[in-house]
Every structure is written in structure tokens, then in C-alpha cells.
Amino acid sequence: MAKFYVQSGSVRAIVDSLDMDRAALWVVNEVMTTTLPIDDLSDDEATVDRADRTEAQYLSETIRISEQGFDRDDACEVDVLSAFRHWYELYQAVTILASKLGQPEESVCRN
């Protein structure tokens, strides 16, 4: 796995992930789980070194991702709305799958 430096709005995180797209999705998930009453999902594919989560986190219009470090001019930019749509589609798919398996929705989001 590669190490990505991801920043957007108030979020600055170092993410170990398979690629930049998954790093962007993971950051959207981190912000959504601090905003919505969703428990953290454990994920073998990506881990995040994050600072204090007691403060509200927010994203700007783009997510900047680099393998070199924060505040790089050569960072890749990902549209936040596009990343959020992808995150939401994945969340809905997991919810539908859980209901087809006969599990309550809440159990999908528990460790």
C-alpha cells in the first residue's frame, strides 16, 4: 500500500491505501462518520493517522492528494461532490446487501 497525504478543508490526513481514489473515499468516510451517527467502519484496505477528532471536520470543494507531502503544487485534485457520490453509492450498496442478508442496517456499521 502507498502512503497518501490528503487534505481538504479542515482535514489533513496521512492515508495508507491502494490508490488515490480509495484515499479520497476514506477521507469522505471519515468526515461523514464524524458528522452522521455512523460508527467507524473497520477497513483492512486503508488506515488513517488522524489528529484529534473532537473538532468538527469539513471538506472544501476539492480533495488534494499527494504521495510526496502536504501543500504540494503537484497534488492531484479530486472533486468532493464526485467523491461523496461514490461514497454514498457504496454506503447504499452495503445497506441493501445487509437487508438482503436479513441483518439490521445498524449492524453493517458496527465493528
PDB file of N, CA and C in Angstrom:
ATOM      1  N   MET A   1       0.840  -1.188   0.000  1.00  0.00           N
ATOM      2  CA  MET A   1       0.000   0.000   0.000  1.00  0.00           C
ATOM      3  C   MET A   1       0.878   1.243   0.000  1.00  0.00           C
ATOM      4  N   ALA A   2       0.376   2.266  -0.628  1.00  0.00           N
ATOM      5  CA  ALA A   2       1.090   3.537  -0.692  1.00  0.00           C
ATOM      6  C   ALA A   2       0.601   4.469   0.414  1.00  0.00           C
ATOM      7  N   LYS A   3       1.416   5.443   0.737  1.00  0.00           N
ATOM      8  CA  LYS A   3       1.061   6.458   1.724  1.00  0.00           C
ATOM      9  C   LYS A   3       0.668   7.721   0.961  1.00  0.00           C
ATOM     10  N   PHE A   4      -0.528   8.247   1.263  1.00  0.00           N
ATOM     11  CA  PHE A   4      -1.024   9.450   0.606  1.00  0.00           C
ATOM     12  C   PHE A   4      -1.250  10.542   1.637  1.00  0.00           C
ATOM     13  N   TYR A   5      -0.873  11.756   1.283  1.00  0.00           N
ATOM     14  CA  TYR A   5      -1.124  12.932   2.096  1.00  0.00           C
ATOM     15  C   TYR A   5      -2.366  13.587   1.521  1.00  0.00           C
ATOM     16  N   VAL A   6      -3.438  13.601   2.317  1.00  0.00           N
ATOM     17  CA  VAL A   6      -4.742  14.037   1.833  1.00  0.00           C
ATOM     18  C   VAL A   6      -5.172  15.259   2.629  1.00  0.00           C
ATOM     19  N   GLN A   7      -5.626  16.295   1.912  1.00  0.00           N
ATOM     20  CA  GLN A   7      -6.086  17.493   2.596  1.00  0.00           C
ATOM     21  C   GLN A   7      -7.256  18.119   1.866  1.00  0.00           C
ATOM     22  N   SER A   8      -8.187  18.626   2.655  1.00  0.00           N
ATOM     23  CA  SER A   8      -9.363  19.325   2.139  1.00  0.00           C
ATOM     24  C   SER A   8     -10.046  20.006   3.307  1.00  0.00           C
ATOM     25  N   GLY A   9     -10.341  21.277   3.184  1.00  0.00           N
ATOM     26  CA  GLY A   9     -10.988  21.988   4.280  1.00  0.00           C
ATOM     27  C   GLY A   9     -10.170  21.888   5.552  1.00  0.00           C
ATOM     28  N   SER A  10     -10.791  21.386   6.608  1.00  0.00           N
ATOM     29  CA  SER A  10     -10.095  21.244   7.895  1.00  0.00           C
ATOM     30  C   SER A  10      -9.371  19.906   8.034  1.00  0.00           C
ATOM     31  N   VAL A  11      -9.454  19.060   7.019  1.00  0.00           N
ATOM     32  CA  VAL A  11      -8.906  17.708   7.104  1.00  0.00           C
ATOM     33  C   VAL A  11      -7.496  17.651   6.512  1.00  0.00           C
ATOM     34  N   ARG A  12      -6.584  17.107   7.294  1.00  0.00           N
ATOM     35  CA  ARG A  12      -5.229  16.761   6.835  1.00  0.00           C
ATOM     36  C   ARG A  12      -4.966  15.379   7.398  1.00  0.00           C
ATOM     37  N   ALA A  13      -4.786  14.406   6.519  1.00  0.00           N
ATOM     38  CA  ALA A  13      -4.610  13.028   6.981  1.00  0.00           C
ATOM     39  C   ALA A  13      -3.552  12.335   6.133  1.00  0.00           C
ATOM     40  N   ILE A  14      -2.857  11.414   6.772  1.00  0.00           N
ATOM     41  CA  ILE A  14      -1.939  10.533   6.060  1.00  0.00           C
ATOM     42  C   ILE A  14      -2.643   9.193   5.965  1.00  0.00           C
ATOM     43  N   VAL A  15      -2.896   8.757   4.737  1.00  0.00           N
ATOM     44  CA  VAL A  15      -3.720   7.576   4.488  1.00  0.00           C
ATOM     45  C   VAL A  15      -2.889   6.503   3.791  1.00  0.00           C
ATOM     46  N   ASP A  16      -2.862   5.303   4.349  1.00  0.00           N
ATOM     47  CA  ASP A  16      -2.279   4.148   3.673  1.00  0.00           C
ATOM     48  C   ASP A  16      -3.401   3.507   2.872  1.00  0.00           C
ATOM     49  N   SER A  17      -3.261   3.486   1.557  1.00  0.00           N
ATOM     50  CA  SER A  17      -4.334   2.986   0.705  1.00  0.00           C
ATOM     51  C   SER A  17      -3.757   2.416  -0.581  1.00  0.00           C
ATOM     52  N   LEU A  18      -4.576   1.677  -1.310  1.00  0.00           N
ATOM     53  CA  LEU A  18      -4.134   1.079  -2.570  1.00  0.00           C
ATOM     54  C   LEU A  18      -3.958   2.105  -3.680  1.00  0.00           C
ATOM     55  N   ASP A  19      -4.800   3.166  -3.667  1.00  0.00           N
ATOM     56  CA  ASP A  19      -4.684   4.190  -4.699  1.00  0.00           C
ATOM     57  C   ASP A  19      -5.299   5.497  -4.208  1.00  0.00           C
ATOM     58  N   MET A  20      -5.181   6.538  -5.030  1.00  0.00           N
ATOM     59  CA  MET A  20      -5.673   7.864  -4.659  1.00  0.00           C
ATOM     60  C   MET A  20      -7.184   7.912  -4.515  1.00  0.00           C
ATOM     61  N   ASP A  21      -7.900   7.207  -5.390  1.00  0.00           N
ATOM     62  CA  ASP A  21      -9.363   7.203  -5.318  1.00  0.00           C
ATOM     63  C   ASP A  21      -9.838   6.657  -3.976  1.00  0.00           C
ATOM     64  N   ARG A  22      -9.231   5.578  -3.527  1.00  0.00           N
ATOM     65  CA  ARG A  22      -9.619   4.978  -2.252  1.00  0.00           C
ATOM     66  C   ARG A  22      -9.211   5.863  -1.084  1.00  0.00           C
ATOM     67  N   ALA A  23      -8.108   6.568  -1.218  1.00  0.00           N
ATOM     68  CA  ALA A  23      -7.698   7.514  -0.184  1.00  0.00           C
ATOM     69  C   ALA A  23      -8.726   8.641  -0.075  1.00  0.00           C
ATOM     70  N   ALA A  24      -9.217   9.140  -1.209  1.00  0.00           N
ATOM     71  CA  ALA A  24     -10.244  10.188  -1.206  1.00  0.00           C
ATOM     72  C   ALA A  24     -11.539   9.669  -0.583  1.00  0.00           C
ATOM     73  N   LEU A  25     -11.933   8.445  -0.939  1.00  0.00           N
ATOM     74  CA  LEU A  25     -13.144   7.858  -0.357  1.00  0.00           C
ATOM     75  C   LEU A  25     -13.014   7.699   1.149  1.00  0.00           C
ATOM     76  N   TRP A  26     -11.835   7.292   1.598  1.00  0.00           N
ATOM     77  CA  TRP A  26     -11.634   7.094   3.026  1.00  0.00           C
ATOM     78  C   TRP A  26     -11.783   8.408   3.782  1.00  0.00           C
ATOM     79  N   VAL A  27     -11.269   9.504   3.223  1.00  0.00           N
ATOM     80  CA  VAL A  27     -11.383  10.806   3.886  1.00  0.00           C
ATOM     81  C   VAL A  27     -12.844  11.262   3.917  1.00  0.00           C
ATOM     82  N   VAL A  28     -13.572  11.060   2.825  1.00  0.00           N
ATOM     83  CA  VAL A  28     -15.008  11.373   2.835  1.00  0.00           C
ATOM     84  C   VAL A  28     -15.698  10.549   3.922  1.00  0.00           C
ATOM     85  N   ASN A  29     -15.362   9.265   4.030  1.00  0.00           N
ATOM     86  CA  ASN A  29     -15.951   8.411   5.060  1.00  0.00           C
ATOM     87  C   ASN A  29     -15.621   8.931   6.456  1.00  0.00           C
ATOM     88  N   GLU A  30     -14.393   9.351   6.678  1.00  0.00           N
ATOM     89  CA  GLU A  30     -14.001   9.882   7.985  1.00  0.00           C
ATOM     90  C   GLU A  30     -14.822  11.109   8.356  1.00  0.00           C
ATOM     91  N   VAL A  31     -15.010  12.019   7.404  1.00  0.00           N
ATOM     92  CA  VAL A  31     -15.794  13.230   7.675  1.00  0.00           C
ATOM     93  C   VAL A  31     -17.262  12.871   7.902  1.00  0.00           C
ATOM     94  N   MET A  32     -17.792  11.970   7.085  1.00  0.00           N
ATOM     95  CA  MET A  32     -19.196  11.589   7.237  1.00  0.00           C
ATOM     96  C   MET A  32     -19.444  10.874   8.566  1.00  0.00           C
ATOM     97  N   THR A  33     -18.515  10.053   9.018  1.00  0.00           N
ATOM     98  CA  THR A  33     -18.731   9.343  10.281  1.00  0.00           C
ATOM     99  C   THR A  33     -18.591  10.260  11.482  1.00  0.00           C
ATOM    100  N   THR A  34     -17.924  11.403  11.337  1.00  0.00           N
ATOM    101  CA  THR A  34     -17.896  12.367  12.438  1.00  0.00           C
ATOM    102  C   THR A  34     -19.106  13.288  12.382  1.00  0.00           C
ATOM    103  N   THR A  35     -19.758  13.377  11.200  1.00  0.00           N
ATOM    104  CA  THR A  35     -20.916  14.247  11.023  1.00  0.00           C
ATOM    105  C   THR A  35     -22.217  13.511  11.295  1.00  0.00           C
ATOM    106  N   LEU A  36     -22.331  12.298  10.765  1.00  0.00           N
ATOM    107  CA  LEU A  36     -23.543  11.497  10.916  1.00  0.00           C
ATOM    108  C   LEU A  36     -23.361  10.485  12.038  1.00  0.00           C
ATOM    109  N   PRO A  37     -24.454   9.999  12.618  1.00  0.00           N
ATOM    110  CA  PRO A  37     -24.339   8.987  13.670  1.00  0.00           C
ATOM    111  C   PRO A  37     -24.055   7.600  13.113  1.00  0.00           C
ATOM    112  N   ILE A  38     -22.919   7.466  12.435  1.00  0.00           N
ATOM    113  CA  ILE A  38     -22.498   6.186  11.867  1.00  0.00           C
ATOM    114  C   ILE A  38     -21.232   5.783  12.595  1.00  0.00           C
ATOM    115  N   ASP A  39     -21.191   4.565  13.113  1.00  0.00           N
ATOM    116  CA  ASP A  39     -19.970   4.090  13.761  1.00  0.00           C
ATOM    117  C   ASP A  39     -18.877   3.924  12.729  1.00  0.00           C
ATOM    118  N   ASP A  40     -17.615   4.033  13.164  1.00  0.00           N
ATOM    119  CA  ASP A  40     -16.484   3.829  12.255  1.00  0.00           C
ATOM    120  C   ASP A  40     -16.523   2.427  11.683  1.00  0.00           C
ATOM    121  N   LEU A  41     -16.240   2.334  10.409  1.00  0.00           N
ATOM    122  CA  LEU A  41     -16.130   1.036   9.759  1.00  0.00           C
ATOM    123  C   LEU A  41     -14.680   0.609   9.825  1.00  0.00           C
ATOM    124  N   SER A  42     -14.436  -0.635  10.196  1.00  0.00           N
ATOM    125  CA  SER A  42     -13.063  -1.110  10.129  1.00  0.00           C
ATOM    126  C   SER A  42     -12.768  -1.442   8.680  1.00  0.00           C
ATOM    127  N   ASP A  43     -11.551  -1.170   8.232  1.00  0.00           N
ATOM    128  CA  ASP A  43     -11.212  -1.368   6.832  1.00  0.00           C
ATOM    129  C   ASP A  43      -9.781  -1.860   6.743  1.00  0.00           C
ATOM    130  N   ASP A  44      -9.597  -3.081   6.263  1.00  0.00           N
ATOM    131  CA  ASP A  44      -8.255  -3.638   6.134  1.00  0.00           C
ATOM    132  C   ASP A  44      -7.488  -2.982   4.992  1.00  0.00           C
ATOM    133  N   GLU A  45      -8.198  -2.287   4.123  1.00  0.00           N
ATOM    134  CA  GLU A  45      -7.598  -1.747   2.922  1.00  0.00           C
ATOM    135  C   GLU A  45      -6.954  -0.377   3.134  1.00  0.00           C
ATOM    136  N   ALA A  46      -7.437   0.375   4.122  1.00  0.00           N
ATOM    137  CA  ALA A  46      -6.922   1.725   4.328  1.00  0.00           C
ATOM    138  C   ALA A  46      -6.920   2.050   5.812  1.00  0.00           C
ATOM    139  N   THR A  47      -5.887   2.695   6.249  1.00  0.00           N
ATOM    140  CA  THR A  47      -5.825   3.173   7.624  1.00  0.00           C
ATOM    141  C   THR A  47      -5.458   4.645   7.596  1.00  0.00           C
ATOM    142  N   VAL A  48      -5.848   5.364   8.621  1.00  0.00           N
ATOM    143  CA  VAL A  48      -5.634   6.798   8.657  1.00  0.00           C
ATOM    144  C   VAL A  48      -4.953   7.175   9.957  1.00  0.00           C
ATOM    145  N   ASP A  49      -3.890   7.975   9.860  1.00  0.00           N
ATOM    146  CA  ASP A  49      -3.313   8.619  11.029  1.00  0.00           C
ATOM    147  C   ASP A  49      -4.000   9.963  11.123  1.00  0.00           C
ATOM    148  N   ARG A  50      -4.805  10.178  12.144  1.00  0.00           N
ATOM    149  CA  ARG A  50      -5.547  11.426  12.209  1.00  0.00           C
ATOM    150  C   ARG A  50      -5.338  12.108  13.552  1.00  0.00           C
ATOM    151  N   ALA A  51      -5.509  13.405  13.525  1.00  0.00           N
ATOM    152  CA  ALA A  51      -5.371  14.202  14.736  1.00  0.00           C
ATOM    153  C   ALA A  51      -6.644  14.099  15.570  1.00  0.00           C
ATOM    154  N   ASP A  52      -6.782  14.931  16.542  1.00  0.00           N
ATOM    155  CA  ASP A  52      -7.922  14.947  17.456  1.00  0.00           C
ATOM    156  C   ASP A  52      -9.244  15.024  16.687  1.00  0.00           C
ATOM    157  N   ARG A  53     -10.143  14.070  16.908  1.00  0.00           N
ATOM    158  CA  ARG A  53     -11.423  14.030  16.195  1.00  0.00           C
ATOM    159  C   ARG A  53     -12.531  14.723  16.962  1.00  0.00           C
ATOM    160  N   THR A  54     -12.213  15.445  18.031  1.00  0.00           N
ATOM    161  CA  THR A  54     -13.261  16.108  18.797  1.00  0.00           C
ATOM    162  C   THR A  54     -13.769  17.355  18.093  1.00  0.00           C
ATOM    163  N   GLU A  55     -12.972  17.957  17.209  1.00  0.00           N
ATOM    164  CA  GLU A  55     -13.401  19.128  16.463  1.00  0.00           C
ATOM    165  C   GLU A  55     -14.144  18.707  15.208  1.00  0.00           C
ATOM    166  N   ALA A  56     -15.117  19.532  14.796  1.00  0.00           N
ATOM    167  CA  ALA A  56     -15.867  19.243  13.578  1.00  0.00           C
ATOM    168  C   ALA A  56     -14.931  19.305  12.379  1.00  0.00           C
ATOM    169  N   GLN A  57     -15.101  18.375  11.467  1.00  0.00           N
ATOM    170  CA  GLN A  57     -14.301  18.351  10.250  1.00  0.00           C
ATOM    171  C   GLN A  57     -15.178  18.738   9.075  1.00  0.00           C
ATOM    172  N   TYR A  58     -14.590  19.407   8.115  1.00  0.00           N
ATOM    173  CA  TYR A  58     -15.326  19.766   6.908  1.00  0.00           C
ATOM    174  C   TYR A  58     -14.384  19.688   5.719  1.00  0.00           C
ATOM    175  N   LEU A  59     -14.975  19.489   4.551  1.00  0.00           N
ATOM    176  CA  LEU A  59     -14.212  19.397   3.311  1.00  0.00           C
ATOM    177  C   LEU A  59     -14.448  20.651   2.481  1.00  0.00           C
ATOM    178  N   SER A  60     -13.462  21.039   1.680  1.00  0.00           N
ATOM    179  CA  SER A  60     -13.650  22.133   0.731  1.00  0.00           C
ATOM    180  C   SER A  60     -14.169  21.543  -0.580  1.00  0.00           C
ATOM    181  N   GLU A  61     -14.124  22.298  -1.653  1.00  0.00           N
ATOM    182  CA  GLU A  61     -14.661  21.829  -2.934  1.00  0.00           C
ATOM    183  C   GLU A  61     -13.833  20.715  -3.558  1.00  0.00           C
ATOM    184  N   THR A  62     -12.555  20.640  -3.206  1.00  0.00           N
ATOM    185  CA  THR A  62     -11.688  19.613  -3.757  1.00  0.00           C
ATOM    186  C   THR A  62     -10.907  18.924  -2.639  1.00  0.00           C
ATOM    187  N   ILE A  63     -10.485  17.716  -2.928  1.00  0.00           N
ATOM    188  CA  ILE A  63      -9.593  16.968  -2.042  1.00  0.00           C
ATOM    189  C   ILE A  63      -8.250  16.917  -2.757  1.00  0.00           C
ATOM    190  N   ARG A  64      -7.204  17.382  -2.094  1.00  0.00           N
ATOM    191  CA  ARG A  64      -5.854  17.371  -2.672  1.00  0.00           C
ATOM    192  C   ARG A  64      -5.102  16.168  -2.124  1.00  0.00           C
ATOM    193  N   ILE A  65      -4.516  15.378  -3.041  1.00  0.00           N
ATOM    194  CA  ILE A  65      -3.852  14.134  -2.651  1.00  0.00           C
ATOM    195  C   ILE A  65      -2.462  14.086  -3.281  1.00  0.00           C
ATOM    196  N   SER A  66      -1.466  13.761  -2.452  1.00  0.00           N
ATOM    197  CA  SER A  66      -0.100  13.654  -2.933  1.00  0.00           C
ATOM    198  C   SER A  66       0.606  12.511  -2.226  1.00  0.00           C
ATOM    199  N   GLU A  67       1.540  11.879  -2.910  1.00  0.00           N
ATOM    200  CA  GLU A  67       2.387  10.871  -2.269  1.00  0.00           C
ATOM    201  C   GLU A  67       3.662  11.508  -1.706  1.00  0.00           C
ATOM    202  N   GLN A  68       3.848  12.807  -1.946  1.00  0.00           N
ATOM    203  CA  GLN A  68       5.068  13.490  -1.538  1.00  0.00           C
ATOM    204  C   GLN A  68       4.934  14.269  -0.237  1.00  0.00           C
ATOM    205  N   GLY A  69       3.731  14.765   0.093  1.00  0.00           N
ATOM    206  CA  GLY A  69       3.551  15.551   1.310  1.00  0.00           C
ATOM    207  C   GLY A  69       2.382  16.509   1.168  1.00  0.00           C
ATOM    208  N   PHE A  70       2.128  17.264   2.245  1.00  0.00           N
ATOM    209  CA  PHE A  70       1.039  18.243   2.253  1.00  0.00           C
ATOM    210  C   PHE A  70       1.459  19.510   1.496  1.00  0.00           C
ATOM    211  N   ASP A  71       0.452  20.265   1.040  1.00  0.00           N
ATOM    212  CA  ASP A  71       0.644  21.586   0.416  1.00  0.00           C
ATOM    213  C   ASP A  71       1.542  21.547  -0.818  1.00  0.00           C
ATOM    214  N   ARG A  72       1.447  20.490  -1.593  1.00  0.00           N
ATOM    215  CA  ARG A  72       2.263  20.349  -2.803  1.00  0.00           C
ATOM    216  C   ARG A  72       1.519  20.934  -4.008  1.00  0.00           C
ATOM    217  N   ASP A  73       2.241  21.648  -4.851  1.00  0.00           N
ATOM    218  CA  ASP A  73       1.653  22.203  -6.073  1.00  0.00           C
ATOM    219  C   ASP A  73       1.299  21.115  -7.077  1.00  0.00           C
ATOM    220  N   ASP A  74       1.973  19.979  -7.004  1.00  0.00           N
ATOM    221  CA  ASP A  74       1.739  18.889  -7.956  1.00  0.00           C
ATOM    222  C   ASP A  74       0.717  17.859  -7.450  1.00  0.00           C
ATOM    223  N   ALA A  75      -0.021  18.204  -6.388  1.00  0.00           N
ATOM    224  CA  ALA A  75      -1.015  17.273  -5.840  1.00  0.00           C
ATOM    225  C   ALA A  75      -2.166  17.063  -6.824  1.00  0.00           C
ATOM    226  N   CYS A  76      -2.699  15.864  -6.801  1.00  0.00           N
ATOM    227  CA  CYS A  76      -3.885  15.540  -7.601  1.00  0.00           C
ATOM    228  C   CYS A  76      -5.105  16.144  -6.898  1.00  0.00           C
ATOM    229  N   GLU A  77      -6.041  16.682  -7.665  1.00  0.00           N
ATOM    230  CA  GLU A  77      -7.263  17.232  -7.077  1.00  0.00           C
ATOM    231  C   GLU A  77      -8.460  16.385  -7.483  1.00  0.00           C
ATOM    232  N   VAL A  78      -9.263  16.031  -6.485  1.00  0.00           N
ATOM    233  CA  VAL A  78     -10.477  15.236  -6.690  1.00  0.00           C
ATOM    234  C   VAL A  78     -11.665  16.092  -6.268  1.00  0.00           C
ATOM    235  N   ASP A  79     -12.696  16.124  -7.093  1.00  0.00           N
ATOM    236  CA  ASP A  79     -13.910  16.864  -6.786  1.00  0.00           C
ATOM    237  C   ASP A  79     -14.621  16.213  -5.597  1.00  0.00           C
ATOM    238  N   VAL A  80     -14.938  16.990  -4.565  1.00  0.00           N
ATOM    239  CA  VAL A  80     -15.560  16.447  -3.354  1.00  0.00           C
ATOM    240  C   VAL A  80     -16.943  15.878  -3.658  1.00  0.00           C
ATOM    241  N   LEU A  81     -17.730  16.559  -4.482  1.00  0.00           N
ATOM    242  CA  LEU A  81     -19.072  16.037  -4.787  1.00  0.00           C
ATOM    243  C   LEU A  81     -19.009  14.695  -5.488  1.00  0.00           C
ATOM    244  N   SER A  82     -18.052  14.534  -6.378  1.00  0.00           N
ATOM    245  CA  SER A  82     -17.874  13.254  -7.064  1.00  0.00           C
ATOM    246  C   SER A  82     -17.469  12.165  -6.067  1.00  0.00           C
ATOM    247  N   ALA A  83     -16.527  12.479  -5.177  1.00  0.00           N
ATOM    248  CA  ALA A  83     -16.100  11.506  -4.159  1.00  0.00           C
ATOM    249  C   ALA A  83     -17.248  11.179  -3.208  1.00  0.00           C
ATOM    250  N   PHE A  84     -18.049  12.188  -2.850  1.00  0.00           N
ATOM    251  CA  PHE A  84     -19.188  11.945  -1.963  1.00  0.00           C
ATOM    252  C   PHE A  84     -20.222  11.054  -2.645  1.00  0.00           C
ATOM    253  N   ARG A  85     -20.510  11.310  -3.917  1.00  0.00           N
ATOM    254  CA  ARG A  85     -21.470  10.463  -4.644  1.00  0.00           C
ATOM    255  C   ARG A  85     -21.012   9.004  -4.651  1.00  0.00           C
ATOM    256  N   HIS A  86     -19.728   8.796  -4.906  1.00  0.00           N
ATOM    257  CA  HIS A  86     -19.180   7.448  -4.909  1.00  0.00           C
ATOM    258  C   HIS A  86     -19.302   6.818  -3.522  1.00  0.00           C
ATOM    259  N   TRP A  87     -18.967   7.575  -2.472  1.00  0.00           N
ATOM    260  CA  TRP A  87     -19.098   7.091  -1.091  1.00  0.00           C
ATOM    261  C   TRP A  87     -20.552   6.709  -0.796  1.00  0.00           C
ATOM    262  N   TYR A  88     -21.493   7.571  -1.187  1.00  0.00           N
ATOM    263  CA  TYR A  88     -22.908   7.318  -0.917  1.00  0.00           C
ATOM    264  C   TYR A  88     -23.406   6.078  -1.656  1.00  0.00           C
ATOM    265  N   GLU A  89     -22.994   5.897  -2.894  1.00  0.00           N
ATOM    266  CA  GLU A  89     -23.383   4.704  -3.657  1.00  0.00           C
ATOM    267  C   GLU A  89     -22.866   3.436  -2.967  1.00  0.00           C
ATOM    268  N   LEU A  90     -21.645   3.469  -2.490  1.00  0.00           N
ATOM    269  CA  LEU A  90     -21.086   2.318  -1.766  1.00  0.00           C
ATOM    270  C   LEU A  90     -21.844   2.065  -0.466  1.00  0.00           C
ATOM    271  N   TYR A  91     -22.150   3.134   0.270  1.00  0.00           N
ATOM    272  CA  TYR A  91     -22.901   3.012   1.518  1.00  0.00           C
ATOM    273  C   TYR A  91     -24.280   2.403   1.253  1.00  0.00           C
ATOM    274  N   GLN A  92     -24.962   2.887   0.215  1.00  0.00           N
ATOM    275  CA  GLN A  92     -26.280   2.340  -0.133  1.00  0.00           C
ATOM    276  C   GLN A  92     -26.175   0.871  -0.527  1.00  0.00           C
ATOM    277  N   ALA A  93     -25.148   0.500  -1.276  1.00  0.00           N
ATOM    278  CA  ALA A  93     -24.972  -0.894  -1.699  1.00  0.00           C
ATOM    279  C   ALA A  93     -24.773  -1.807  -0.488  1.00  0.00           C
ATOM    280  N   VAL A  94     -23.987  -1.370   0.476  1.00  0.00           N
ATOM    281  CA  VAL A  94     -23.773  -2.169   1.683  1.00  0.00           C
ATOM    282  C   VAL A  94     -25.074  -2.294   2.477  1.00  0.00           C
ATOM    283  N   THR A  95     -25.838  -1.212   2.552  1.00  0.00           N
ATOM    284  CA  THR A  95     -27.121  -1.243   3.263  1.00  0.00           C
ATOM    285  C   THR A  95     -28.091  -2.211   2.598  1.00  0.00           C
ATOM    286  N   ILE A  96     -28.178  -2.186   1.281  1.00  0.00           N
ATOM    287  CA  ILE A  96     -29.061  -3.096   0.536  1.00  0.00           C
ATOM    288  C   ILE A  96     -28.608  -4.541   0.712  1.00  0.00           C
ATOM    289  N   LEU A  97     -27.310  -4.780   0.613  1.00  0.00           N
ATOM    290  CA  LEU A  97     -26.772  -6.120   0.805  1.00  0.00           C
ATOM    291  C   LEU A  97     -27.082  -6.649   2.195  1.00  0.00           C
ATOM    292  N   ALA A  98     -26.941  -5.813   3.201  1.00  0.00           N
ATOM    293  CA  ALA A  98     -27.236  -6.229   4.573  1.00  0.00           C
ATOM    294  C   ALA A  98     -28.713  -6.575   4.734  1.00  0.00           C
ATOM    295  N   SER A  99     -29.594  -5.790   4.112  1.00  0.00           N
ATOM    296  CA  SER A  99     -31.022  -6.090   4.233  1.00  0.00           C
ATOM    297  C   SER A  99     -31.370  -7.389   3.507  1.00  0.00           C
ATOM    298  N   LYS A 100     -30.711  -7.674   2.396  1.00  0.00           N
ATOM    299  CA  LYS A 100     -30.953  -8.935   1.677  1.00  0.00           C
ATOM    300  C   LYS A 100     -30.438 -10.137   2.461  1.00  0.00           C
ATOM    301  N   LEU A 101     -29.427  -9.911   3.269  1.00  0.00           N
ATOM    302  CA  LEU A 101     -28.889 -10.979   4.108  1.00  0.00           C
ATOM    303  C   LEU A 101     -29.661 -11.112   5.421  1.00  0.00           C
ATOM    304  N   GLY A 102     -30.660 -10.246   5.599  1.00  0.00           N
ATOM    305  CA  GLY A 102     -31.501 -10.329   6.783  1.00  0.00           C
ATOM    306  C   GLY A 102     -30.897  -9.720   8.033  1.00  0.00           C
ATOM    307  N   GLN A 103     -29.918  -8.852   7.874  1.00  0.00           N
ATOM    308  CA  GLN A 103     -29.312  -8.186   9.015  1.00  0.00           C
ATOM    309  C   GLN A 103     -29.860  -6.776   9.128  1.00  0.00           C
ATOM    310  N   PRO A 104     -30.059  -6.299  10.356  1.00  0.00           N
ATOM    311  CA  PRO A 104     -30.485  -4.906  10.519  1.00  0.00           C
ATOM    312  C   PRO A 104     -29.415  -3.963   9.970  1.00  0.00           C
ATOM    313  N   GLU A 105     -29.850  -2.801   9.459  1.00  0.00           N
ATOM    314  CA  GLU A 105     -28.921  -1.831   8.885  1.00  0.00           C
ATOM    315  C   GLU A 105     -27.828  -1.431   9.851  1.00  0.00           C
ATOM    316  N   GLU A 106     -28.178  -1.237  11.110  1.00  0.00           N
ATOM    317  CA  GLU A 106     -27.192  -0.766  12.076  1.00  0.00           C
ATOM    318  C   GLU A 106     -26.017  -1.731  12.223  1.00  0.00           C
ATOM    319  N   SER A 107     -26.250  -3.035  12.061  1.00  0.00           N
ATOM    320  CA  SER A 107     -25.168  -3.987  12.253  1.00  0.00           C
ATOM    321  C   SER A 107     -24.101  -3.871  11.172  1.00  0.00           C
ATOM    322  N   VAL A 108     -24.440  -3.310  10.010  1.00  0.00           N
ATOM    323  CA  VAL A 108     -23.471  -3.146   8.942  1.00  0.00           C
ATOM    324  C   VAL A 108     -22.383  -2.164   9.355  1.00  0.00           C
ATOM    325  N   CYS A 109     -22.731  -1.180  10.152  1.00  0.00           N
ATOM    326  CA  CYS A 109     -21.789  -0.118  10.503  1.00  0.00           C
ATOM    327  C   CYS A 109     -21.090  -0.367  11.824  1.00  0.00           C
ATOM    328  N   ARG A 110     -21.211  -1.523  12.384  1.00  0.00           N
ATOM    329  CA  ARG A 110     -20.552  -1.825  13.664  1.00  0.00           C
ATOM    330  C   ARG A 110     -19.298  -2.628  13.417  1.00  0.00           C
ATOM    331  N   ASN A 111     -18.322  -2.449  14.259  1.00  0.00           N
ATOM    332  CA  ASN A 111     -17.078  -3.220  14.156  1.00  0.00           C
ATOM    333  C   ASN A 111     -17.305  -4.658  14.529  1.00  0.00           C
TER     334      ASN A 111
END
